[in-house]
């Protein structure tokens, strides 16, 4: 390396993935909540919960409507708001 710091795989990884960081979930991982709650909050924030809408989009089930109120689609907003 010309006049710079010695090679570090950690720094190389950080430089290569700098554009991929998403600061919206950082507070979740730095909270003092139990791990399972942090994982659940991360899944909710990333829209990765297995709602009927997501399962229908993945063609695991055929119908994405809510079982309790069949006039709406069961997505994360419908479940929690």
PDB file of N, CA and C in Angstrom:
ATOM      1  N   UNK A   1       0.849  -1.163   0.000  1.00  0.00           N
ATOM      2  CA  UNK A   1       0.000   0.000   0.000  1.00  0.00           C
ATOM      3  C   UNK A   1       0.900   1.231   0.000  1.00  0.00           C
ATOM      4  N   UNK A   2       0.615   2.164  -0.828  1.00  0.00           N
ATOM      5  CA  UNK A   2       1.445   3.359  -0.988  1.00  0.00           C
ATOM      6  C   UNK A   2       1.175   4.374   0.104  1.00  0.00           C
ATOM      7  N   UNK A   3       2.027   4.417   1.098  1.00  0.00           N
ATOM      8  CA  UNK A   3       1.974   5.458   2.104  1.00  0.00           C
ATOM      9  C   UNK A   3       0.746   5.450   2.995  1.00  0.00           C
ATOM     10  N   UNK A   4      -0.164   4.509   2.829  1.00  0.00           N
ATOM     11  CA  UNK A   4      -1.371   4.479   3.643  1.00  0.00           C
ATOM     12  C   UNK A   4      -1.260   3.446   4.742  1.00  0.00           C
ATOM     13  N   UNK A   5      -2.360   3.213   5.376  1.00  0.00           N
ATOM     14  CA  UNK A   5      -2.416   2.210   6.442  1.00  0.00           C
ATOM     15  C   UNK A   5      -2.311   0.821   5.827  1.00  0.00           C
ATOM     16  N   UNK A   6      -1.880  -0.151   6.601  1.00  0.00           N
ATOM     17  CA  UNK A   6      -1.819  -1.514   6.073  1.00  0.00           C
ATOM     18  C   UNK A   6      -3.219  -2.034   5.740  1.00  0.00           C
ATOM     19  N   UNK A   7      -3.269  -3.018   4.851  1.00  0.00           N
ATOM     20  CA  UNK A   7      -4.547  -3.584   4.420  1.00  0.00           C
ATOM     21  C   UNK A   7      -5.297  -4.188   5.595  1.00  0.00           C
ATOM     22  N   UNK A   8      -6.590  -3.943   5.643  1.00  0.00           N
ATOM     23  CA  UNK A   8      -7.453  -4.508   6.668  1.00  0.00           C
ATOM     24  C   UNK A   8      -8.712  -5.036   5.978  1.00  0.00           C
ATOM     25  N   UNK A   9      -9.020  -6.301   6.167  1.00  0.00           N
ATOM     26  CA  UNK A   9     -10.218  -6.864   5.543  1.00  0.00           C
ATOM     27  C   UNK A   9     -11.479  -6.214   6.109  1.00  0.00           C
ATOM     28  N   UNK A  10     -11.444  -5.819   7.373  1.00  0.00           N
ATOM     29  CA  UNK A  10     -12.584  -5.136   7.979  1.00  0.00           C
ATOM     30  C   UNK A  10     -12.865  -3.809   7.271  1.00  0.00           C
ATOM     31  N   UNK A  11     -11.805  -3.042   7.022  1.00  0.00           N
ATOM     32  CA  UNK A  11     -11.968  -1.752   6.340  1.00  0.00           C
ATOM     33  C   UNK A  11     -12.391  -1.955   4.889  1.00  0.00           C
ATOM     34  N   UNK A  12     -11.858  -2.969   4.229  1.00  0.00           N
ATOM     35  CA  UNK A  12     -12.257  -3.253   2.846  1.00  0.00           C
ATOM     36  C   UNK A  12     -13.741  -3.608   2.785  1.00  0.00           C
ATOM     37  N   UNK A  13     -14.199  -4.443   3.696  1.00  0.00           N
ATOM     38  CA  UNK A  13     -15.616  -4.813   3.747  1.00  0.00           C
ATOM     39  C   UNK A  13     -16.482  -3.584   4.000  1.00  0.00           C
ATOM     40  N   UNK A  14     -16.058  -2.735   4.937  1.00  0.00           N
ATOM     41  CA  UNK A  14     -16.812  -1.521   5.241  1.00  0.00           C
ATOM     42  C   UNK A  14     -16.908  -0.615   4.026  1.00  0.00           C
ATOM     43  N   UNK A  15     -15.820  -0.451   3.290  1.00  0.00           N
ATOM     44  CA  UNK A  15     -15.812   0.401   2.103  1.00  0.00           C
ATOM     45  C   UNK A  15     -16.707  -0.166   1.002  1.00  0.00           C
ATOM     46  N   UNK A  16     -16.663  -1.477   0.819  1.00  0.00           N
ATOM     47  CA  UNK A  16     -17.472  -2.105  -0.231  1.00  0.00           C
ATOM     48  C   UNK A  16     -18.965  -2.064   0.073  1.00  0.00           C
ATOM     49  N   UNK A  17     -19.323  -2.106   1.345  1.00  0.00           N
ATOM     50  CA  UNK A  17     -20.729  -2.156   1.721  1.00  0.00           C
ATOM     51  C   UNK A  17     -21.250  -0.855   2.321  1.00  0.00           C
ATOM     52  N   UNK A  18     -20.526   0.215   2.193  1.00  0.00           N
ATOM     53  CA  UNK A  18     -20.931   1.492   2.785  1.00  0.00           C
ATOM     54  C   UNK A  18     -22.250   1.983   2.203  1.00  0.00           C
ATOM     55  N   UNK A  19     -22.476   1.753   0.932  1.00  0.00           N
ATOM     56  CA  UNK A  19     -23.706   2.239   0.293  1.00  0.00           C
ATOM     57  C   UNK A  19     -24.924   1.387   0.646  1.00  0.00           C
ATOM     58  N   UNK A  20     -24.734   0.238   1.266  1.00  0.00           N
ATOM     59  CA  UNK A  20     -25.836  -0.653   1.589  1.00  0.00           C
ATOM     60  C   UNK A  20     -26.386  -0.461   2.998  1.00  0.00           C
ATOM     61  N   UNK A  21     -25.790   0.407   3.779  1.00  0.00           N
ATOM     62  CA  UNK A  21     -26.238   0.564   5.161  1.00  0.00           C
ATOM     63  C   UNK A  21     -27.620   1.200   5.216  1.00  0.00           C
ATOM     64  N   UNK A  22     -28.407   0.735   6.151  1.00  0.00           N
ATOM     65  CA  UNK A  22     -29.760   1.252   6.362  1.00  0.00           C
ATOM     66  C   UNK A  22     -29.868   1.645   7.830  1.00  0.00           C
ATOM     67  N   UNK A  23     -29.827   2.921   8.095  1.00  0.00           N
ATOM     68  CA  UNK A  23     -29.804   3.416   9.471  1.00  0.00           C
ATOM     69  C   UNK A  23     -31.151   3.336  10.161  1.00  0.00           C
ATOM     70  N   UNK A  24     -32.219   2.991   9.438  1.00  0.00           N
ATOM     71  CA  UNK A  24     -33.540   2.975  10.061  1.00  0.00           C
ATOM     72  C   UNK A  24     -33.689   1.848  11.081  1.00  0.00           C
ATOM     73  N   UNK A  25     -32.920   0.769  10.954  1.00  0.00           N
ATOM     74  CA  UNK A  25     -33.036  -0.339  11.896  1.00  0.00           C
ATOM     75  C   UNK A  25     -31.935  -0.327  12.947  1.00  0.00           C
ATOM     76  N   UNK A  26     -31.011   0.595  12.891  1.00  0.00           N
ATOM     77  CA  UNK A  26     -29.924   0.652  13.863  1.00  0.00           C
ATOM     78  C   UNK A  26     -30.434   0.796  15.292  1.00  0.00           C
ATOM     79  N   UNK A  27     -31.425   1.655  15.584  1.00  0.00           N
ATOM     80  CA  UNK A  27     -31.911   1.764  16.965  1.00  0.00           C
ATOM     81  C   UNK A  27     -32.481   0.447  17.498  1.00  0.00           C
ATOM     82  N   UNK A  28     -33.019  -0.379  16.626  1.00  0.00           N
ATOM     83  CA  UNK A  28     -33.565  -1.665  17.060  1.00  0.00           C
ATOM     84  C   UNK A  28     -32.462  -2.523  17.666  1.00  0.00           C
ATOM     85  N   UNK A  29     -31.328  -2.603  16.982  1.00  0.00           N
ATOM     86  CA  UNK A  29     -30.259  -3.488  17.433  1.00  0.00           C
ATOM     87  C   UNK A  29     -29.501  -2.927  18.629  1.00  0.00           C
ATOM     88  N   UNK A  30     -29.565  -1.630  18.853  1.00  0.00           N
ATOM     89  CA  UNK A  30     -28.868  -1.037  19.993  1.00  0.00           C
ATOM     90  C   UNK A  30     -29.765  -0.861  21.213  1.00  0.00           C
ATOM     91  N   UNK A  31     -30.998  -1.338  21.119  1.00  0.00           N
ATOM     92  CA  UNK A  31     -31.908  -1.211  22.260  1.00  0.00           C
ATOM     93  C   UNK A  31     -31.609  -2.297  23.290  1.00  0.00           C
ATOM     94  N   UNK A  32     -32.191  -2.152  24.457  1.00  0.00           N
ATOM     95  CA  UNK A  32     -31.982  -3.118  25.534  1.00  0.00           C
ATOM     96  C   UNK A  32     -33.145  -4.107  25.629  1.00  0.00           C
ATOM     97  N   UNK A  33     -33.907  -4.225  24.569  1.00  0.00           N
ATOM     98  CA  UNK A  33     -35.021  -5.172  24.527  1.00  0.00           C
ATOM     99  C   UNK A  33     -34.489  -6.597  24.412  1.00  0.00           C
ATOM    100  N   UNK A  34     -35.300  -7.581  24.774  1.00  0.00           N
ATOM    101  CA  UNK A  34     -34.880  -8.975  24.572  1.00  0.00           C
ATOM    102  C   UNK A  34     -34.631  -9.249  23.085  1.00  0.00           C
ATOM    103  N   UNK A  35     -33.747 -10.177  22.819  1.00  0.00           N
ATOM    104  CA  UNK A  35     -33.334 -10.469  21.441  1.00  0.00           C
ATOM    105  C   UNK A  35     -34.520 -10.825  20.549  1.00  0.00           C
ATOM    106  N   UNK A  36     -35.449 -11.636  21.035  1.00  0.00           N
ATOM    107  CA  UNK A  36     -36.574 -12.048  20.199  1.00  0.00           C
ATOM    108  C   UNK A  36     -37.465 -10.861  19.827  1.00  0.00           C
ATOM    109  N   UNK A  37     -37.563  -9.868  20.706  1.00  0.00           N
ATOM    110  CA  UNK A  37     -38.344  -8.670  20.394  1.00  0.00           C
ATOM    111  C   UNK A  37     -37.610  -7.832  19.342  1.00  0.00           C
ATOM    112  N   UNK A  38     -36.294  -7.741  19.455  1.00  0.00           N
ATOM    113  CA  UNK A  38     -35.515  -7.012  18.451  1.00  0.00           C
ATOM    114  C   UNK A  38     -35.632  -7.671  17.079  1.00  0.00           C
ATOM    115  N   UNK A  39     -35.582  -8.996  17.041  1.00  0.00           N
ATOM    116  CA  UNK A  39     -35.732  -9.702  15.764  1.00  0.00           C
ATOM    117  C   UNK A  39     -37.119  -9.445  15.184  1.00  0.00           C
ATOM    118  N   UNK A  40     -38.154  -9.520  16.028  1.00  0.00           N
ATOM    119  CA  UNK A  40     -39.515  -9.254  15.565  1.00  0.00           C
ATOM    120  C   UNK A  40     -39.636  -7.827  15.030  1.00  0.00           C
ATOM    121  N   UNK A  41     -39.086  -6.854  15.729  1.00  0.00           N
ATOM    122  CA  UNK A  41     -39.151  -5.452  15.284  1.00  0.00           C
ATOM    123  C   UNK A  41     -38.404  -5.271  13.969  1.00  0.00           C
ATOM    124  N   UNK A  42     -37.270  -5.966  13.812  1.00  0.00           N
ATOM    125  CA  UNK A  42     -36.514  -5.875  12.563  1.00  0.00           C
ATOM    126  C   UNK A  42     -37.314  -6.478  11.412  1.00  0.00           C
ATOM    127  N   UNK A  43     -37.954  -7.630  11.644  1.00  0.00           N
ATOM    128  CA  UNK A  43     -38.785  -8.250  10.615  1.00  0.00           C
ATOM    129  C   UNK A  43     -39.952  -7.337  10.239  1.00  0.00           C
ATOM    130  N   UNK A  44     -40.544  -6.694  11.227  1.00  0.00           N
ATOM    131  CA  UNK A  44     -41.641  -5.767  10.969  1.00  0.00           C
ATOM    132  C   UNK A  44     -41.157  -4.565  10.156  1.00  0.00           C
ATOM    133  N   UNK A  45     -40.012  -4.007  10.525  1.00  0.00           N
ATOM    134  CA  UNK A  45     -39.481  -2.837   9.818  1.00  0.00           C
ATOM    135  C   UNK A  45     -39.101  -3.165   8.376  1.00  0.00           C
ATOM    136  N   UNK A  46     -38.626  -4.378   8.133  1.00  0.00           N
ATOM    137  CA  UNK A  46     -38.188  -4.788   6.795  1.00  0.00           C
ATOM    138  C   UNK A  46     -39.299  -5.441   5.978  1.00  0.00           C
ATOM    139  N   UNK A  47     -40.516  -5.476   6.506  1.00  0.00           N
ATOM    140  CA  UNK A  47     -41.670  -6.100   5.856  1.00  0.00           C
ATOM    141  C   UNK A  47     -41.389  -7.566   5.533  1.00  0.00           C
ATOM    142  N   UNK A  48     -40.885  -8.299   6.509  1.00  0.00           N
ATOM    143  CA  UNK A  48     -40.555  -9.710   6.335  1.00  0.00           C
ATOM    144  C   UNK A  48     -41.401 -10.628   7.224  1.00  0.00           C
ATOM    145  N   UNK A  49     -42.404 -10.071   7.898  1.00  0.00           N
ATOM    146  CA  UNK A  49     -43.297 -10.911   8.697  1.00  0.00           C
ATOM    147  C   UNK A  49     -44.167 -11.737   7.764  1.00  0.00           C
ATOM    148  N   UNK A  50     -44.478 -12.955   8.161  1.00  0.00           N
ATOM    149  CA  UNK A  50     -45.278 -13.832   7.321  1.00  0.00           C
ATOM    150  C   UNK A  50     -46.762 -13.490   7.414  1.00  0.00           C
ATOM    151  N   UNK A  51     -47.100 -12.347   6.875  1.00  0.00           N
ATOM    152  CA  UNK A  51     -48.510 -11.959   6.782  1.00  0.00           C
ATOM    153  C   UNK A  51     -49.120 -12.690   5.600  1.00  0.00           C
ATOM    154  N   UNK A  52     -50.419 -12.704   5.527  1.00  0.00           N
ATOM    155  CA  UNK A  52     -51.088 -13.378   4.408  1.00  0.00           C
ATOM    156  C   UNK A  52     -50.753 -12.714   3.079  1.00  0.00           C
ATOM    157  N   UNK A  53     -50.551 -11.401   3.071  1.00  0.00           N
ATOM    158  CA  UNK A  53     -50.187 -10.705   1.835  1.00  0.00           C
ATOM    159  C   UNK A  53     -48.815 -11.160   1.338  1.00  0.00           C
ATOM    160  N   UNK A  54     -47.863 -11.285   2.253  1.00  0.00           N
ATOM    161  CA  UNK A  54     -46.522 -11.727   1.869  1.00  0.00           C
ATOM    162  C   UNK A  54     -46.530 -13.188   1.427  1.00  0.00           C
ATOM    163  N   UNK A  55     -47.277 -14.030   2.136  1.00  0.00           N
ATOM    164  CA  UNK A  55     -47.361 -15.437   1.763  1.00  0.00           C
ATOM    165  C   UNK A  55     -48.048 -15.616   0.407  1.00  0.00           C
ATOM    166  N   UNK A  56     -49.032 -14.796   0.114  1.00  0.00           N
ATOM    167  CA  UNK A  56     -49.695 -14.861  -1.192  1.00  0.00           C
ATOM    168  C   UNK A  56     -48.750 -14.386  -2.298  1.00  0.00           C
ATOM    169  N   UNK A  57     -47.962 -13.363  -2.024  1.00  0.00           N
ATOM    170  CA  UNK A  57     -47.000 -12.878  -3.010  1.00  0.00           C
ATOM    171  C   UNK A  57     -45.942 -13.941  -3.317  1.00  0.00           C
ATOM    172  N   UNK A  58     -45.615 -14.759  -2.311  1.00  0.00           N
ATOM    173  CA  UNK A  58     -44.651 -15.851  -2.504  1.00  0.00           C
ATOM    174  C   UNK A  58     -45.322 -17.118  -3.032  1.00  0.00           C
ATOM    175  N   UNK A  59     -46.597 -17.040  -3.347  1.00  0.00           N
ATOM    176  CA  UNK A  59     -47.443 -18.140  -3.839  1.00  0.00           C
ATOM    177  C   UNK A  59     -47.467 -19.337  -2.891  1.00  0.00           C
ATOM    178  N   UNK A  60     -47.430 -19.073  -1.602  1.00  0.00           N
ATOM    179  CA  UNK A  60     -47.549 -20.131  -0.604  1.00  0.00           C
ATOM    180  C   UNK A  60     -49.023 -20.367  -0.286  1.00  0.00           C
ATOM    181  N   UNK A  61     -49.798 -19.282  -0.282  1.00  0.00           N
ATOM    182  CA  UNK A  61     -51.249 -19.386  -0.116  1.00  0.00           C
ATOM    183  C   UNK A  61     -51.900 -18.647  -1.274  1.00  0.00           C
ATOM    184  N   UNK A  62     -53.190 -18.901  -1.472  1.00  0.00           N
ATOM    185  CA  UNK A  62     -53.892 -18.287  -2.602  1.00  0.00           C
ATOM    186  C   UNK A  62     -54.573 -16.969  -2.261  1.00  0.00           C
ATOM    187  N   UNK A  63     -55.040 -16.833  -1.043  1.00  0.00           N
ATOM    188  CA  UNK A  63     -55.849 -15.675  -0.670  1.00  0.00           C
ATOM    189  C   UNK A  63     -55.120 -14.817   0.357  1.00  0.00           C
ATOM    190  N   UNK A  64     -55.036 -13.510   0.104  1.00  0.00           N
ATOM    191  CA  UNK A  64     -54.314 -12.611   1.013  1.00  0.00           C
ATOM    192  C   UNK A  64     -55.241 -11.808   1.925  1.00  0.00           C
ATOM    193  N   UNK A  65     -56.533 -12.067   1.861  1.00  0.00           N
ATOM    194  CA  UNK A  65     -57.459 -11.285   2.685  1.00  0.00           C
ATOM    195  C   UNK A  65     -57.410 -11.740   4.138  1.00  0.00           C
ATOM    196  N   UNK A  66     -57.694 -10.805   5.007  1.00  0.00           N
ATOM    197  CA  UNK A  66     -57.690 -11.060   6.449  1.00  0.00           C
ATOM    198  C   UNK A  66     -58.811 -12.036   6.804  1.00  0.00           C
ATOM    199  N   UNK A  67     -58.525 -12.949   7.716  1.00  0.00           N
ATOM    200  CA  UNK A  67     -59.528 -13.931   8.122  1.00  0.00           C
ATOM    201  C   UNK A  67     -60.602 -13.321   9.009  1.00  0.00           C
ATOM    202  N   UNK A  68     -60.270 -12.252   9.727  1.00  0.00           N
ATOM    203  CA  UNK A  68     -61.238 -11.615  10.633  1.00  0.00           C
ATOM    204  C   UNK A  68     -62.102 -10.583   9.921  1.00  0.00           C
ATOM    205  N   UNK A  69     -61.521  -9.861   8.974  1.00  0.00           N
ATOM    206  CA  UNK A  69     -62.286  -8.865   8.218  1.00  0.00           C
ATOM    207  C   UNK A  69     -61.960  -9.052   6.738  1.00  0.00           C
ATOM    208  N   UNK A  70     -62.688  -9.900   6.054  1.00  0.00           N
ATOM    209  CA  UNK A  70     -62.354 -10.335   4.701  1.00  0.00           C
ATOM    210  C   UNK A  70     -62.361  -9.238   3.627  1.00  0.00           C
ATOM    211  N   UNK A  71     -62.703  -8.038   3.965  1.00  0.00           N
ATOM    212  CA  UNK A  71     -62.733  -6.991   2.940  1.00  0.00           C
ATOM    213  C   UNK A  71     -61.372  -6.341   2.724  1.00  0.00           C
ATOM    214  N   UNK A  72     -60.387  -6.646   3.569  1.00  0.00           N
ATOM    215  CA  UNK A  72     -59.068  -6.018   3.433  1.00  0.00           C
ATOM    216  C   UNK A  72     -57.965  -7.068   3.369  1.00  0.00           C
ATOM    217  N   UNK A  73     -56.848  -6.654   2.795  1.00  0.00           N
ATOM    218  CA  UNK A  73     -55.680  -7.521   2.705  1.00  0.00           C
ATOM    219  C   UNK A  73     -54.927  -7.522   4.038  1.00  0.00           C
ATOM    220  N   UNK A  74     -54.441  -8.684   4.452  1.00  0.00           N
ATOM    221  CA  UNK A  74     -53.719  -8.783   5.713  1.00  0.00           C
ATOM    222  C   UNK A  74     -52.236  -8.506   5.473  1.00  0.00           C
ATOM    223  N   UNK A  75     -51.830  -7.256   5.667  1.00  0.00           N
ATOM    224  CA  UNK A  75     -50.423  -6.891   5.576  1.00  0.00           C
ATOM    225  C   UNK A  75     -49.979  -6.366   6.938  1.00  0.00           C
ATOM    226  N   UNK A  76     -48.751  -5.918   7.043  1.00  0.00           N
ATOM    227  CA  UNK A  76     -48.230  -5.500   8.352  1.00  0.00           C
ATOM    228  C   UNK A  76     -48.968  -4.280   8.893  1.00  0.00           C
ATOM    229  N   UNK A  77     -49.377  -3.371   8.033  1.00  0.00           N
ATOM    230  CA  UNK A  77     -50.119  -2.195   8.483  1.00  0.00           C
ATOM    231  C   UNK A  77     -51.492  -2.585   9.013  1.00  0.00           C
ATOM    232  N   UNK A  78     -52.141  -3.513   8.323  1.00  0.00           N
ATOM    233  CA  UNK A  78     -53.451  -3.946   8.753  1.00  0.00           C
ATOM    234  C   UNK A  78     -53.383  -4.649  10.119  1.00  0.00           C
ATOM    235  N   UNK A  79     -52.345  -5.421  10.339  1.00  0.00           N
ATOM    236  CA  UNK A  79     -52.226  -6.156  11.604  1.00  0.00           C
ATOM    237  C   UNK A  79     -51.931  -5.265  12.790  1.00  0.00           C
ATOM    238  N   UNK A  80     -51.102  -4.239  12.595  1.00  0.00           N
ATOM    239  CA  UNK A  80     -50.625  -3.465  13.736  1.00  0.00           C
ATOM    240  C   UNK A  80     -51.155  -2.052  13.818  1.00  0.00           C
ATOM    241  N   UNK A  81     -51.840  -1.600  12.806  1.00  0.00           N
ATOM    242  CA  UNK A  81     -52.389  -0.238  12.828  1.00  0.00           C
ATOM    243  C   UNK A  81     -53.857  -0.313  12.588  1.00  0.00           C
TER     244      UNK A  81
END
